[in-house]
Amino acid sequence: MTAADHTHVRTGIPEAAAGARAAGLLVDACAAGESLQVRVVRDAALDLQRELNALQGGASTPDALADAAARCADLANLAACTVPYPAAPGGAKAVAATHLAVGAARALGVRLEAAAMELDSPRGEYLIRESRGTAWRAQLATRQTDEFLTPPQN
């Protein structure tokens, strides 16, 4: 097995664990609410947490990295959608969940792009585009959260 082959069979995706922790924060942020919207967000966060927990222990193949990055970007955007009221109960945890999920998505995107560049195939090109799309979605969540946290200027 060459050194390049070895990078694709390493076990574990620790960044997925950070994403799972972010999902846990979002679940906690939604604990006080019982509206339909809050229950849907909480259930979606729990699903993402389960998926990320499953991914964190698996092989760090390019496809697994892409899956984990996409889920972290989805989680970041889900959390950002719950931030409009950061002073509300759980608001600070929603902000923290957004930033932690964004960081995990970005870190996974870097690993994914590096792994994809080693593939000399159309699949590698696709994964590079996937990595860049994930980075864009993570950045969108950051901008949305920052917009809610920045007081309007008169």
Protein backbone atom coordinates (compact mmCIF):
# COMPACT_ATOMS: atom_id res chain seq x y z
CA MET A 1 0.00 0.00 0.00
CA THR A 2 1.42 3.41 -0.92
CA ALA A 3 1.33 6.48 1.30
CA ALA A 4 -1.40 7.98 -0.90
CA ASP A 5 -3.52 4.83 -0.53
CA HIS A 6 -3.06 4.92 3.23
CA THR A 7 -4.61 8.40 3.49
CA HIS A 8 -7.89 7.06 2.13
CA VAL A 9 -8.32 4.16 4.55
CA ARG A 10 -7.60 5.92 7.82
CA THR A 11 -10.26 5.21 10.36
CA GLY A 12 -12.26 8.00 11.86
CA ILE A 13 -13.43 11.45 10.92
CA PRO A 14 -12.90 13.56 14.05
CA GLU A 15 -14.45 16.62 12.41
CA ALA A 16 -17.72 14.69 12.25
CA ALA A 17 -17.58 14.48 16.06
CA ALA A 18 -17.45 18.28 16.18
CA GLY A 19 -20.48 18.37 13.90
CA ALA A 20 -22.29 15.91 16.17
CA ARG A 21 -21.50 18.15 19.15
CA ALA A 22 -22.91 21.11 17.22
CA ALA A 23 -26.08 19.12 16.58
CA GLY A 24 -26.30 18.41 20.31
CA LEU A 25 -26.06 22.13 21.03
CA LEU A 26 -28.89 22.79 18.59
CA VAL A 27 -31.01 20.09 20.21
CA ASP A 28 -30.35 21.77 23.59
CA ALA A 29 -31.21 25.17 22.08
CA CYS A 30 -34.59 23.79 21.03
CA ALA A 31 -35.31 22.04 24.34
CA ALA A 32 -37.47 24.84 25.75
CA GLY A 33 -39.71 25.21 22.72
CA GLU A 34 -42.72 23.12 21.79
CA SER A 35 -43.90 24.86 18.64
CA LEU A 36 -44.07 22.78 15.49
CA GLN A 37 -41.09 24.66 14.01
CA VAL A 38 -38.92 24.03 17.08
CA ARG A 39 -39.86 20.33 17.16
CA VAL A 40 -39.00 19.97 13.46
CA VAL A 41 -35.62 21.66 13.98
CA ARG A 42 -34.91 19.50 17.03
CA ASP A 43 -35.81 16.30 15.15
CA ALA A 44 -33.68 17.32 12.15
CA ALA A 45 -30.76 18.11 14.47
CA LEU A 46 -31.14 14.71 16.16
CA ASP A 47 -31.11 12.98 12.75
CA LEU A 48 -27.97 14.89 11.72
CA GLN A 49 -26.33 14.07 15.05
CA ARG A 50 -26.97 10.33 14.54
CA GLU A 51 -25.61 10.48 10.99
CA LEU A 52 -22.49 12.39 12.05
CA ASN A 53 -21.88 10.02 14.96
CA ALA A 54 -22.02 7.11 12.51
CA LEU A 55 -19.61 8.83 10.12
CA GLN A 56 -17.05 9.76 12.77
CA GLY A 57 -16.09 6.15 13.38
CA GLY A 58 -15.92 5.02 9.76
CA ALA A 59 -13.17 5.10 7.18
CA SER A 60 -12.18 8.55 6.02
CA THR A 61 -12.75 7.91 2.34
CA PRO A 62 -13.38 10.87 0.04
CA ASP A 63 -17.08 9.93 -0.15
CA ALA A 64 -17.40 9.74 3.64
CA LEU A 65 -15.66 13.12 3.97
CA ALA A 66 -18.09 14.57 1.40
CA ASP A 67 -21.07 13.15 3.31
CA ALA A 68 -19.83 14.52 6.64
CA ALA A 69 -19.05 17.95 5.15
CA ALA A 70 -22.49 18.16 3.55
CA ARG A 71 -24.21 17.21 6.79
CA CYS A 72 -22.21 19.79 8.76
CA ALA A 73 -23.09 22.49 6.21
CA ASP A 74 -26.76 21.46 6.42
CA LEU A 75 -26.57 21.60 10.21
CA ALA A 76 -24.93 25.04 10.11
CA ASN A 77 -27.75 26.38 7.96
CA LEU A 78 -30.41 24.74 10.12
CA ALA A 79 -28.88 26.30 13.22
CA ALA A 80 -28.54 29.69 11.52
CA CYS A 81 -32.26 29.62 10.80
CA THR A 82 -32.94 29.39 14.54
CA VAL A 83 -30.71 32.34 15.44
CA PRO A 84 -33.08 35.27 14.69
CA TYR A 85 -33.71 35.60 18.41
CA PRO A 86 -30.31 35.08 20.06
CA ALA A 87 -31.55 36.53 23.37
CA ALA A 88 -34.40 33.99 23.48
CA PRO A 89 -33.96 30.81 25.52
CA GLY A 90 -31.45 28.67 23.67
CA GLY A 91 -30.46 31.47 21.30
CA ALA A 92 -26.82 31.52 22.39
CA LYS A 93 -26.59 27.75 21.93
CA ALA A 94 -28.01 28.08 18.41
CA VAL A 95 -25.30 30.63 17.62
CA ALA A 96 -22.63 28.33 19.07
CA ALA A 97 -24.06 25.38 17.11
CA THR A 98 -23.88 27.40 13.90
CA HIS A 99 -20.25 28.38 14.39
CA LEU A 100 -19.16 24.89 15.48
CA ALA A 101 -20.91 23.28 12.49
CA VAL A 102 -19.37 25.85 10.13
CA GLY A 103 -15.90 25.11 11.50
CA ALA A 104 -16.43 21.37 11.09
CA ALA A 105 -17.74 21.82 7.53
CA ARG A 106 -14.75 23.97 6.60
CA ALA A 107 -12.25 21.52 8.10
CA LEU A 108 -13.92 18.62 6.32
CA GLY A 109 -13.94 20.61 3.08
CA VAL A 110 -10.17 21.09 3.28
CA ARG A 111 -9.63 17.36 3.85
CA LEU A 112 -12.09 16.49 1.09
CA GLU A 113 -10.46 18.76 -1.45
CA ALA A 114 -7.01 17.38 -0.63
CA ALA A 115 -8.26 13.79 -0.99
CA ALA A 116 -10.11 14.64 -4.21
CA MET A 117 -6.99 16.17 -5.76
CA GLU A 118 -5.25 12.82 -5.32
CA LEU A 119 -7.90 11.14 -7.47
CA ASP A 120 -7.06 11.43 -11.13
CA SER A 121 -10.59 10.97 -12.39
CA PRO A 122 -13.86 12.75 -13.06
CA ARG A 123 -14.91 11.63 -9.56
CA GLY A 124 -12.10 13.72 -8.08
CA GLU A 125 -13.24 16.75 -10.06
CA TYR A 126 -16.80 16.22 -8.82
CA LEU A 127 -15.62 15.97 -5.20
CA ILE A 128 -13.65 19.21 -5.55
CA ARG A 129 -16.82 20.96 -6.73
CA GLU A 130 -18.72 19.33 -3.87
CA SER A 131 -16.12 20.63 -1.41
CA ARG A 132 -16.41 24.16 -2.75
CA GLY A 133 -20.21 24.01 -2.63
CA THR A 134 -20.07 22.88 0.97
CA ALA A 135 -17.72 25.76 1.82
CA TRP A 136 -20.13 28.20 0.18
CA ARG A 137 -23.07 26.83 2.20
CA ALA A 138 -21.07 27.06 5.42
CA GLN A 139 -20.15 30.66 4.60
CA LEU A 140 -23.82 31.42 3.98
CA ALA A 141 -24.68 30.22 7.49
CA THR A 142 -21.92 32.42 8.92
CA ARG A 143 -23.17 35.48 7.06
CA GLN A 144 -26.76 34.83 8.11
CA THR A 145 -25.79 34.44 11.77
CA ASP A 146 -23.58 37.53 11.70
CA GLU A 147 -26.43 39.50 10.14
CA PHE A 148 -28.76 38.57 13.02
CA LEU A 149 -26.12 39.40 15.63
CA THR A 150 -25.13 42.78 14.18
CA PRO A 151 -27.42 45.55 15.40
CA PRO A 152 -28.90 47.68 12.62
CA GLN A 153 -27.10 50.94 12.02
CA ASN A 154 -29.14 54.11 11.83
